[in-house]
């Protein structure tokens, strides 16, 4: 379906270019000869430039859409990987304290609440600002710690790409993908990735 629509757009562009060339030829027919030579050289170049600009913007839009889909898939994986299991109360307490520190280091907003079950930060107020939060859910003698993210301007209406999507995605991917490694390098008995 996309391919058919792409060819249809190309065919419509070709028809538009043909009409534009005919219009330029009609205009040239009424212009004095001294002006025809420069216009005759510029007009086809202008038409070709317009056609290439149309193709270029369509290609750029397709590239942006592909990058958006790629980032969305990476964000899902990063969220899944931003969870870690700890095996006992001592290990979980140490990992939880480090989680709070990690959030404070990476969030553009301040921690508003931190208790035994969740760490929350303020909602981002400026576009492009990322904030992080975490939950601690009991699991046997230990728990599962999960890091979450949000970023103002990342999404528009209907979950469309927002004005700061690329900046937000980069911040979130870097922070969520670094979370488990940060815990492992700082907690004895190393918590296991979920």
N, C-alpha and C. Protein backbone atom coordinates (compact mmCIF):
# COMPACT_ATOMS: atom_id res chain seq x y z
N UNK A 1 0.83 -1.19 0.00
CA UNK A 1 0.00 0.00 0.00
C UNK A 1 0.87 1.25 0.00
N UNK A 2 1.93 1.28 0.84
CA UNK A 2 2.82 2.43 0.88
C UNK A 2 3.49 2.64 -0.47
N UNK A 3 3.91 1.52 -1.10
CA UNK A 3 4.61 1.60 -2.37
C UNK A 3 3.71 2.21 -3.43
N UNK A 4 2.45 1.77 -3.45
CA UNK A 4 1.50 2.30 -4.42
C UNK A 4 1.30 3.80 -4.21
N UNK A 5 1.20 4.22 -2.97
CA UNK A 5 1.01 5.64 -2.66
C UNK A 5 2.25 6.43 -3.06
N UNK A 6 3.43 5.84 -2.86
CA UNK A 6 4.67 6.51 -3.23
C UNK A 6 4.72 6.74 -4.74
N UNK A 7 4.37 5.71 -5.54
CA UNK A 7 4.38 5.87 -6.99
C UNK A 7 3.31 6.85 -7.43
N UNK A 8 2.18 6.84 -6.75
CA UNK A 8 1.11 7.78 -7.11
C UNK A 8 1.58 9.21 -6.87
N UNK A 9 2.29 9.45 -5.78
CA UNK A 9 2.81 10.79 -5.53
C UNK A 9 3.81 11.19 -6.60
N UNK A 10 4.68 10.25 -7.00
CA UNK A 10 5.66 10.53 -8.04
C UNK A 10 4.99 10.85 -9.36
N UNK A 11 3.92 10.11 -9.71
CA UNK A 11 3.20 10.36 -10.95
C UNK A 11 2.56 11.73 -10.91
N UNK A 12 1.96 12.10 -9.79
CA UNK A 12 1.34 13.42 -9.66
C UNK A 12 2.38 14.52 -9.78
N UNK A 13 3.57 14.30 -9.23
CA UNK A 13 4.64 15.29 -9.36
C UNK A 13 5.03 15.43 -10.82
N UNK A 14 5.13 14.30 -11.54
CA UNK A 14 5.50 14.36 -12.95
C UNK A 14 4.45 15.13 -13.75
N UNK A 15 3.17 14.90 -13.46
CA UNK A 15 2.11 15.64 -14.14
C UNK A 15 2.23 17.13 -13.83
N UNK A 16 2.48 17.47 -12.58
CA UNK A 16 2.61 18.87 -12.18
C UNK A 16 3.80 19.51 -12.89
N UNK A 17 4.91 18.80 -12.96
CA UNK A 17 6.09 19.34 -13.65
C UNK A 17 5.79 19.56 -15.12
N UNK A 18 5.10 18.63 -15.76
CA UNK A 18 4.76 18.78 -17.17
C UNK A 18 3.90 20.02 -17.37
N UNK A 19 2.91 20.22 -16.51
CA UNK A 19 2.07 21.42 -16.59
C UNK A 19 2.90 22.68 -16.39
N UNK A 20 3.84 22.65 -15.44
CA UNK A 20 4.67 23.81 -15.19
C UNK A 20 5.56 24.13 -16.38
N UNK A 21 6.12 23.10 -17.02
CA UNK A 21 6.96 23.32 -18.20
C UNK A 21 6.14 23.95 -19.31
N UNK A 22 4.91 23.45 -19.54
CA UNK A 22 4.04 24.04 -20.58
C UNK A 22 3.75 25.50 -20.26
N UNK A 23 3.48 25.79 -19.00
CA UNK A 23 3.19 27.16 -18.60
C UNK A 23 4.40 28.06 -18.83
N UNK A 24 5.59 27.59 -18.49
CA UNK A 24 6.81 28.36 -18.72
C UNK A 24 7.00 28.61 -20.20
N UNK A 25 6.75 27.62 -21.04
CA UNK A 25 6.89 27.79 -22.49
C UNK A 25 5.92 28.83 -23.02
N UNK A 26 4.69 28.83 -22.51
CA UNK A 26 3.70 29.83 -22.94
C UNK A 26 4.15 31.23 -22.53
N UNK A 27 4.68 31.36 -21.33
CA UNK A 27 5.15 32.66 -20.86
C UNK A 27 6.32 33.14 -21.71
N UNK A 28 7.23 32.24 -22.01
CA UNK A 28 8.40 32.58 -22.81
C UNK A 28 7.99 33.06 -24.20
N UNK A 29 6.94 32.49 -24.76
CA UNK A 29 6.49 32.86 -26.10
C UNK A 29 6.11 34.33 -26.17
N UNK A 30 5.69 34.94 -25.09
CA UNK A 30 5.26 36.34 -25.09
C UNK A 30 6.32 37.31 -24.59
N UNK A 31 7.48 36.83 -24.18
CA UNK A 31 8.53 37.67 -23.64
C UNK A 31 9.48 38.07 -24.78
N UNK A 32 9.99 39.33 -24.79
CA UNK A 32 10.94 39.74 -25.84
C UNK A 32 12.16 38.82 -25.86
N UNK A 33 12.75 38.68 -27.06
CA UNK A 33 13.85 37.75 -27.28
C UNK A 33 15.03 38.02 -26.35
N UNK A 34 15.33 39.25 -26.04
CA UNK A 34 16.47 39.58 -25.17
C UNK A 34 16.30 38.98 -23.78
N UNK A 35 15.07 38.80 -23.35
CA UNK A 35 14.81 38.23 -22.03
C UNK A 35 14.63 36.72 -22.06
N UNK A 36 14.39 36.18 -23.26
CA UNK A 36 14.09 34.75 -23.37
C UNK A 36 15.29 33.88 -23.00
N UNK A 37 16.46 34.22 -23.47
CA UNK A 37 17.63 33.37 -23.25
C UNK A 37 17.89 33.13 -21.76
N UNK A 38 17.95 34.20 -20.93
CA UNK A 38 18.18 33.92 -19.50
C UNK A 38 17.03 33.14 -18.87
N UNK A 39 15.79 33.49 -19.22
CA UNK A 39 14.63 32.80 -18.65
C UNK A 39 14.59 31.36 -19.14
N UNK A 40 14.91 31.15 -20.41
CA UNK A 40 14.88 29.80 -20.97
C UNK A 40 15.89 28.89 -20.26
N UNK A 41 16.99 29.45 -19.81
CA UNK A 41 17.97 28.65 -19.08
C UNK A 41 17.58 28.46 -17.63
N UNK A 42 16.99 29.47 -17.03
CA UNK A 42 16.65 29.42 -15.61
C UNK A 42 15.40 28.57 -15.37
N UNK A 43 14.41 28.68 -16.23
CA UNK A 43 13.13 28.00 -16.00
C UNK A 43 13.27 26.49 -15.86
N UNK A 44 13.95 25.80 -16.79
CA UNK A 44 14.08 24.34 -16.61
C UNK A 44 14.85 23.99 -15.34
N UNK A 45 15.87 24.78 -15.04
CA UNK A 45 16.64 24.53 -13.82
C UNK A 45 15.74 24.70 -12.59
N UNK A 46 14.90 25.73 -12.61
CA UNK A 46 13.99 25.97 -11.48
C UNK A 46 13.00 24.82 -11.34
N UNK A 47 12.48 24.34 -12.47
CA UNK A 47 11.51 23.23 -12.43
C UNK A 47 12.19 21.98 -11.88
N UNK A 48 13.40 21.71 -12.33
CA UNK A 48 14.13 20.54 -11.84
C UNK A 48 14.43 20.69 -10.34
N UNK A 49 14.82 21.88 -9.92
CA UNK A 49 15.10 22.12 -8.50
C UNK A 49 13.85 21.91 -7.66
N UNK A 50 12.71 22.38 -8.16
CA UNK A 50 11.45 22.17 -7.44
C UNK A 50 11.13 20.68 -7.33
N UNK A 51 11.34 19.95 -8.41
CA UNK A 51 11.07 18.51 -8.40
C UNK A 51 11.98 17.80 -7.41
N UNK A 52 13.26 18.16 -7.43
CA UNK A 52 14.20 17.52 -6.51
C UNK A 52 13.88 17.88 -5.06
N UNK A 53 13.45 19.10 -4.82
CA UNK A 53 13.08 19.50 -3.46
C UNK A 53 11.90 18.68 -2.98
N UNK A 54 10.94 18.43 -3.87
CA UNK A 54 9.78 17.60 -3.50
C UNK A 54 10.21 16.19 -3.16
N UNK A 55 11.10 15.63 -3.97
CA UNK A 55 11.59 14.27 -3.69
C UNK A 55 12.40 14.26 -2.41
N UNK A 56 13.22 15.27 -2.23
CA UNK A 56 14.06 15.35 -1.06
C UNK A 56 13.24 15.42 0.23
N UNK A 57 12.20 16.25 0.24
CA UNK A 57 11.40 16.36 1.46
C UNK A 57 10.62 15.07 1.73
N UNK A 58 10.18 14.40 0.67
CA UNK A 58 9.49 13.11 0.87
C UNK A 58 10.47 12.08 1.41
N UNK A 59 11.69 12.07 0.86
CA UNK A 59 12.71 11.14 1.36
C UNK A 59 13.07 11.45 2.81
N UNK A 60 13.20 12.72 3.13
CA UNK A 60 13.52 13.11 4.51
C UNK A 60 12.41 12.68 5.46
N UNK A 61 11.18 12.83 5.04
CA UNK A 61 10.05 12.43 5.89
C UNK A 61 10.07 10.92 6.10
N UNK A 62 10.37 10.16 5.04
CA UNK A 62 10.47 8.70 5.18
C UNK A 62 11.60 8.32 6.12
N UNK A 63 12.73 9.03 6.03
CA UNK A 63 13.86 8.77 6.93
C UNK A 63 13.49 9.10 8.37
N UNK A 64 12.79 10.20 8.58
CA UNK A 64 12.35 10.57 9.94
C UNK A 64 11.41 9.52 10.50
N UNK A 65 10.49 9.04 9.66
CA UNK A 65 9.54 8.01 10.11
C UNK A 65 10.28 6.72 10.46
N UNK A 66 11.25 6.35 9.65
CA UNK A 66 12.03 5.14 9.93
C UNK A 66 12.84 5.31 11.22
N UNK A 67 13.43 6.48 11.41
CA UNK A 67 14.19 6.75 12.64
C UNK A 67 13.28 6.71 13.86
N UNK A 68 12.06 7.24 13.72
CA UNK A 68 11.09 7.22 14.81
C UNK A 68 10.76 5.78 15.20
N UNK A 69 10.46 4.94 14.21
CA UNK A 69 10.14 3.54 14.49
C UNK A 69 11.33 2.83 15.14
N UNK A 70 12.53 3.11 14.65
CA UNK A 70 13.74 2.51 15.21
C UNK A 70 13.92 2.92 16.68
N UNK A 71 13.77 4.22 16.95
CA UNK A 71 13.90 4.72 18.32
C UNK A 71 12.82 4.14 19.23
N UNK A 72 11.60 4.03 18.73
CA UNK A 72 10.52 3.47 19.54
C UNK A 72 10.85 2.04 19.95
N UNK A 73 11.37 1.25 19.02
CA UNK A 73 11.76 -0.13 19.34
C UNK A 73 12.89 -0.13 20.38
N UNK A 74 13.86 0.75 20.21
CA UNK A 74 14.96 0.84 21.17
C UNK A 74 14.49 1.28 22.55
N UNK A 75 13.50 2.18 22.59
CA UNK A 75 12.95 2.63 23.87
C UNK A 75 12.24 1.49 24.60
N UNK A 76 11.54 0.65 23.87
CA UNK A 76 10.86 -0.51 24.48
C UNK A 76 11.90 -1.44 25.09
N UNK A 77 12.97 -1.71 24.35
CA UNK A 77 14.03 -2.58 24.85
C UNK A 77 14.71 -1.94 26.06
N UNK A 78 14.99 -0.64 26.00
CA UNK A 78 15.64 0.04 27.12
C UNK A 78 14.77 -0.01 28.37
N UNK A 79 13.45 0.16 28.21
CA UNK A 79 12.56 0.08 29.37
C UNK A 79 12.58 -1.32 29.96
N UNK A 80 12.56 -2.33 29.11
CA UNK A 80 12.59 -3.71 29.58
C UNK A 80 13.91 -3.99 30.30
N UNK A 81 15.00 -3.43 29.80
CA UNK A 81 16.32 -3.67 30.40
C UNK A 81 16.60 -2.81 31.62
N UNK A 82 15.73 -1.85 31.91
CA UNK A 82 15.93 -0.97 33.07
C UNK A 82 15.27 -1.54 34.31
N UNK A 83 15.28 -2.85 34.41
CA UNK A 83 14.74 -3.55 35.59
C UNK A 83 15.81 -4.51 36.09
N UNK A 84 15.89 -4.62 37.40
CA UNK A 84 16.91 -5.47 38.01
C UNK A 84 16.31 -6.16 39.23
N UNK A 85 16.71 -7.41 39.43
CA UNK A 85 16.27 -8.16 40.61
C UNK A 85 17.39 -8.16 41.65
N UNK A 86 17.01 -7.92 42.90
CA UNK A 86 17.96 -8.05 44.01
C UNK A 86 17.48 -9.21 44.87
N UNK A 87 18.42 -9.88 45.54
CA UNK A 87 18.08 -11.16 46.17
C UNK A 87 17.69 -11.11 47.64
N UNK A 88 18.13 -10.09 48.37
CA UNK A 88 17.78 -10.01 49.79
C UNK A 88 17.64 -8.55 50.21
N UNK A 89 17.19 -8.34 51.44
CA UNK A 89 16.90 -6.98 51.91
C UNK A 89 18.13 -6.08 51.88
N UNK A 90 19.28 -6.59 52.29
CA UNK A 90 20.50 -5.76 52.33
C UNK A 90 20.90 -5.33 50.92
N UNK A 91 20.91 -6.28 50.00
CA UNK A 91 21.27 -5.96 48.62
C UNK A 91 20.25 -5.00 48.00
N UNK A 92 18.97 -5.24 48.28
CA UNK A 92 17.91 -4.38 47.74
C UNK A 92 18.00 -2.96 48.30
N UNK A 93 18.27 -2.84 49.59
CA UNK A 93 18.40 -1.50 50.19
C UNK A 93 19.56 -0.73 49.57
N UNK A 94 20.69 -1.41 49.36
CA UNK A 94 21.85 -0.76 48.75
C UNK A 94 21.54 -0.35 47.31
N UNK A 95 20.91 -1.24 46.55
CA UNK A 95 20.56 -0.94 45.16
C UNK A 95 19.52 0.18 45.09
N UNK A 96 18.60 0.20 46.05
CA UNK A 96 17.56 1.24 46.08
C UNK A 96 18.16 2.62 46.36
N UNK A 97 19.11 2.68 47.29
CA UNK A 97 19.79 3.95 47.59
C UNK A 97 20.57 4.43 46.36
N UNK A 98 21.20 3.51 45.66
CA UNK A 98 21.92 3.87 44.43
C UNK A 98 20.97 4.30 43.32
N UNK A 99 19.80 3.69 43.29
CA UNK A 99 18.79 4.07 42.29
C UNK A 99 18.39 5.52 42.50
N UNK A 100 18.18 5.90 43.76
CA UNK A 100 17.83 7.30 44.05
C UNK A 100 18.95 8.23 43.59
N UNK A 101 20.18 7.86 43.89
CA UNK A 101 21.32 8.69 43.47
C UNK A 101 21.39 8.78 41.94
N UNK A 102 21.17 7.67 41.26
CA UNK A 102 21.20 7.64 39.79
C UNK A 102 20.13 8.57 39.21
N UNK A 103 18.94 8.52 39.79
CA UNK A 103 17.85 9.40 39.34
C UNK A 103 18.22 10.86 39.57
N UNK A 104 18.76 11.17 40.72
CA UNK A 104 19.17 12.56 41.01
C UNK A 104 20.22 13.05 40.03
N UNK A 105 21.11 12.17 39.61
CA UNK A 105 22.18 12.55 38.69
C UNK A 105 21.68 12.75 37.25
N UNK A 106 20.64 12.03 36.86
CA UNK A 106 20.22 12.04 35.46
C UNK A 106 18.92 12.78 35.17
N UNK A 107 18.15 13.07 36.16
CA UNK A 107 16.86 13.74 35.95
C UNK A 107 17.04 15.25 35.90
N UNK A 108 16.29 15.91 35.01
CA UNK A 108 16.30 17.37 34.96
C UNK A 108 15.42 17.98 36.05
N UNK A 109 14.72 17.14 36.81
CA UNK A 109 13.83 17.63 37.87
C UNK A 109 14.26 17.00 39.20
N UNK A 110 13.81 17.61 40.28
CA UNK A 110 14.20 17.16 41.62
C UNK A 110 13.32 16.00 42.09
N UNK A 111 13.88 15.20 42.98
CA UNK A 111 13.12 14.12 43.61
C UNK A 111 12.08 14.77 44.52
N UNK A 112 10.82 14.38 44.35
CA UNK A 112 9.74 14.93 45.17
C UNK A 112 9.30 13.94 46.24
N UNK A 113 9.58 12.67 46.02
CA UNK A 113 9.18 11.65 46.99
C UNK A 113 10.10 10.45 46.84
N UNK A 114 10.55 9.93 47.96
CA UNK A 114 11.37 8.72 47.96
C UNK A 114 11.03 7.93 49.21
N UNK A 115 10.42 6.77 49.03
CA UNK A 115 10.11 5.90 50.16
C UNK A 115 10.60 4.49 49.82
N UNK A 116 10.13 3.51 50.55
CA UNK A 116 10.60 2.14 50.35
C UNK A 116 10.09 1.50 49.07
N UNK A 117 9.09 2.12 48.41
CA UNK A 117 8.47 1.50 47.24
C UNK A 117 8.57 2.30 45.95
N UNK A 118 8.79 3.60 46.06
CA UNK A 118 8.89 4.41 44.84
C UNK A 118 9.76 5.64 45.05
N UNK A 119 10.34 6.05 43.95
CA UNK A 119 11.10 7.30 43.91
C UNK A 119 10.48 8.10 42.77
N UNK A 120 10.00 9.29 43.09
CA UNK A 120 9.34 10.13 42.08
C UNK A 120 10.06 11.46 41.96
N UNK A 121 10.06 11.98 40.74
CA UNK A 121 10.60 13.32 40.50
C UNK A 121 9.46 14.20 40.01
N UNK A 122 9.71 15.49 40.04
CA UNK A 122 8.72 16.45 39.56
C UNK A 122 8.51 16.25 38.06
N UNK A 123 7.36 16.67 37.58
CA UNK A 123 7.06 16.61 36.15
C UNK A 123 7.94 17.63 35.45
N UNK A 124 8.53 17.28 34.31
CA UNK A 124 9.38 18.24 33.60
C UNK A 124 8.58 19.48 33.19
N UNK A 125 9.16 20.66 33.41
CA UNK A 125 8.45 21.89 33.07
C UNK A 125 8.90 22.47 31.74
N UNK A 126 10.10 22.17 31.31
CA UNK A 126 10.62 22.71 30.05
C UNK A 126 10.69 21.62 28.99
N UNK A 127 10.45 22.01 27.77
CA UNK A 127 10.49 21.07 26.66
C UNK A 127 11.90 20.50 26.53
N UNK A 128 11.98 19.18 26.35
CA UNK A 128 13.27 18.51 26.23
C UNK A 128 13.85 18.05 27.54
N UNK A 129 13.18 18.37 28.66
CA UNK A 129 13.66 17.94 29.97
C UNK A 129 13.16 16.53 30.28
N UNK A 130 14.07 15.69 30.73
CA UNK A 130 13.73 14.31 31.09
C UNK A 130 13.67 14.18 32.61
N UNK A 131 12.75 13.37 33.08
CA UNK A 131 12.70 13.05 34.50
C UNK A 131 12.55 11.54 34.63
N UNK A 132 13.04 11.03 35.74
CA UNK A 132 13.06 9.59 35.95
C UNK A 132 12.42 9.26 37.29
N UNK A 133 11.86 8.07 37.37
CA UNK A 133 11.27 7.58 38.60
C UNK A 133 11.56 6.08 38.67
N UNK A 134 11.29 5.49 39.83
CA UNK A 134 11.57 4.07 40.00
C UNK A 134 10.56 3.44 40.94
N UNK A 135 10.39 2.13 40.78
CA UNK A 135 9.54 1.37 41.70
C UNK A 135 10.35 0.20 42.25
N UNK A 136 9.93 -0.22 43.45
CA UNK A 136 10.54 -1.37 44.11
C UNK A 136 9.39 -2.31 44.47
N UNK A 137 9.33 -3.44 43.80
CA UNK A 137 8.24 -4.40 44.00
C UNK A 137 8.82 -5.68 44.61
N UNK A 138 8.26 -6.07 45.76
CA UNK A 138 8.75 -7.26 46.47
C UNK A 138 8.65 -8.49 45.57
N UNK A 139 9.69 -9.33 45.67
CA UNK A 139 9.74 -10.58 44.91
C UNK A 139 10.51 -11.59 45.75
N UNK A 140 9.77 -12.45 46.44
CA UNK A 140 10.40 -13.40 47.36
C UNK A 140 11.08 -12.65 48.48
N UNK A 141 12.33 -13.01 48.78
CA UNK A 141 13.09 -12.32 49.82
C UNK A 141 13.69 -11.01 49.31
N UNK A 142 13.65 -10.81 47.99
CA UNK A 142 14.24 -9.61 47.39
C UNK A 142 13.19 -8.72 46.76
N UNK A 143 13.53 -8.13 45.63
CA UNK A 143 12.61 -7.22 44.94
C UNK A 143 13.05 -7.02 43.49
N UNK A 144 12.16 -6.43 42.72
CA UNK A 144 12.48 -5.99 41.36
C UNK A 144 12.47 -4.47 41.37
N UNK A 145 13.58 -3.86 40.96
CA UNK A 145 13.69 -2.41 40.86
C UNK A 145 13.57 -2.04 39.38
N UNK A 146 12.72 -1.08 39.08
CA UNK A 146 12.51 -0.67 37.68
C UNK A 146 12.61 0.84 37.57
N UNK A 147 13.37 1.29 36.57
CA UNK A 147 13.55 2.71 36.29
C UNK A 147 12.62 3.12 35.15
N UNK A 148 11.90 4.22 35.33
CA UNK A 148 10.98 4.74 34.31
C UNK A 148 11.41 6.14 33.89
N UNK A 149 10.94 6.56 32.73
CA UNK A 149 11.32 7.88 32.21
C UNK A 149 10.13 8.59 31.58
N UNK A 150 10.21 9.92 31.61
CA UNK A 150 9.29 10.75 30.84
C UNK A 150 10.05 12.00 30.41
N UNK A 151 9.60 12.61 29.33
CA UNK A 151 10.30 13.78 28.81
C UNK A 151 9.29 14.70 28.14
N UNK A 152 9.29 15.96 28.55
CA UNK A 152 8.34 16.93 27.98
C UNK A 152 8.73 17.22 26.53
N UNK A 153 7.73 17.20 25.66
CA UNK A 153 7.94 17.50 24.25
C UNK A 153 8.32 16.29 23.42
N UNK A 154 8.34 15.11 24.05
CA UNK A 154 8.73 13.91 23.32
C UNK A 154 7.62 13.44 22.38
N UNK A 155 6.39 13.54 22.84
CA UNK A 155 5.26 13.10 22.03
C UNK A 155 4.25 14.23 21.87
N UNK A 156 3.61 14.24 20.73
CA UNK A 156 2.54 15.19 20.46
C UNK A 156 1.21 14.49 20.61
N UNK A 157 0.16 15.05 20.01
CA UNK A 157 -1.15 14.42 20.06
C UNK A 157 -1.12 13.02 19.43
N UNK A 158 -1.88 12.12 20.00
CA UNK A 158 -2.00 10.74 19.50
C UNK A 158 -0.65 10.02 19.43
N UNK A 159 0.22 10.30 20.39
CA UNK A 159 1.54 9.67 20.48
C UNK A 159 2.41 9.89 19.24
N UNK A 160 2.15 10.97 18.51
CA UNK A 160 2.99 11.31 17.36
C UNK A 160 4.31 11.86 17.86
N UNK A 161 5.28 11.89 17.00
CA UNK A 161 6.60 12.42 17.34
C UNK A 161 6.48 13.89 17.74
N UNK A 162 7.00 14.22 18.91
CA UNK A 162 6.94 15.60 19.39
C UNK A 162 8.15 16.41 18.93
N UNK A 163 8.13 17.68 19.25
CA UNK A 163 9.18 18.60 18.78
C UNK A 163 10.56 18.26 19.35
N UNK A 164 10.61 17.66 20.53
CA UNK A 164 11.89 17.32 21.15
C UNK A 164 12.13 15.82 21.22
N UNK A 165 11.51 15.09 20.31
CA UNK A 165 11.59 13.63 20.35
C UNK A 165 13.03 13.11 20.32
N UNK A 166 13.81 13.56 19.37
CA UNK A 166 15.18 13.04 19.22
C UNK A 166 16.02 13.30 20.47
N UNK A 167 15.94 14.51 21.00
CA UNK A 167 16.69 14.87 22.20
C UNK A 167 16.24 14.02 23.39
N UNK A 168 14.93 13.88 23.55
CA UNK A 168 14.38 13.09 24.66
C UNK A 168 14.76 11.63 24.54
N UNK A 169 14.60 11.06 23.35
CA UNK A 169 14.92 9.65 23.15
C UNK A 169 16.38 9.38 23.48
N UNK A 170 17.27 10.26 23.06
CA UNK A 170 18.70 10.07 23.34
C UNK A 170 18.96 10.07 24.85
N UNK A 171 18.36 11.01 25.57
CA UNK A 171 18.55 11.08 27.03
C UNK A 171 18.02 9.83 27.71
N UNK A 172 16.82 9.42 27.33
CA UNK A 172 16.19 8.26 27.97
C UNK A 172 16.96 6.99 27.66
N UNK A 173 17.33 6.78 26.40
CA UNK A 173 18.07 5.57 26.04
C UNK A 173 19.39 5.49 26.81
N UNK A 174 20.12 6.57 26.86
CA UNK A 174 21.40 6.57 27.57
C UNK A 174 21.21 6.26 29.05
N UNK A 175 20.22 6.89 29.67
CA UNK A 175 20.02 6.71 31.11
C UNK A 175 19.48 5.33 31.43
N UNK A 176 18.46 4.88 30.71
CA UNK A 176 17.91 3.56 31.02
C UNK A 176 18.89 2.44 30.69
N UNK A 177 19.62 2.58 29.60
CA UNK A 177 20.59 1.54 29.24
C UNK A 177 21.79 1.51 30.19
N UNK A 178 22.04 2.59 30.90
CA UNK A 178 23.17 2.63 31.84
C UNK A 178 22.81 2.26 33.26
N UNK A 179 21.53 2.13 33.55
CA UNK A 179 21.06 1.91 34.93
C UNK A 179 21.60 0.62 35.56
N UNK A 180 21.40 -0.50 34.91
CA UNK A 180 21.81 -1.79 35.48
C UNK A 180 23.33 -1.84 35.63
N UNK A 181 24.06 -1.35 34.65
CA UNK A 181 25.53 -1.33 34.74
C UNK A 181 25.99 -0.48 35.93
N UNK A 182 25.30 0.65 36.16
CA UNK A 182 25.62 1.51 37.30
C UNK A 182 25.44 0.74 38.61
N UNK A 183 24.31 0.05 38.73
CA UNK A 183 24.07 -0.72 39.96
C UNK A 183 25.10 -1.82 40.13
N UNK A 184 25.38 -2.55 39.05
CA UNK A 184 26.33 -3.66 39.14
C UNK A 184 27.72 -3.19 39.56
N UNK A 185 28.11 -2.01 39.10
CA UNK A 185 29.45 -1.53 39.43
C UNK A 185 29.53 -0.95 40.84
N UNK A 186 28.38 -0.73 41.49
CA UNK A 186 28.39 -0.09 42.80
C UNK A 186 27.80 -0.92 43.94
N UNK A 187 27.17 -2.04 43.64
CA UNK A 187 26.54 -2.86 44.69
C UNK A 187 27.32 -4.17 44.81
N UNK A 188 27.66 -4.52 46.06
CA UNK A 188 28.32 -5.82 46.25
C UNK A 188 27.26 -6.91 46.12
N UNK A 189 27.64 -8.03 45.59
CA UNK A 189 26.69 -9.11 45.36
C UNK A 189 25.89 -8.87 44.09
N UNK A 190 26.24 -7.88 43.32
CA UNK A 190 25.65 -7.49 42.05
C UNK A 190 24.24 -8.00 41.79
N UNK A 191 23.26 -7.08 41.78
CA UNK A 191 21.90 -7.47 41.42
C UNK A 191 21.87 -7.99 39.99
N UNK A 192 20.96 -8.89 39.73
CA UNK A 192 20.86 -9.50 38.40
C UNK A 192 19.87 -8.74 37.53
N UNK A 193 20.23 -8.48 36.25
CA UNK A 193 19.25 -7.86 35.36
C UNK A 193 18.03 -8.75 35.26
N UNK A 194 16.89 -8.15 35.13
CA UNK A 194 15.66 -8.93 35.07
C UNK A 194 15.54 -9.59 33.73
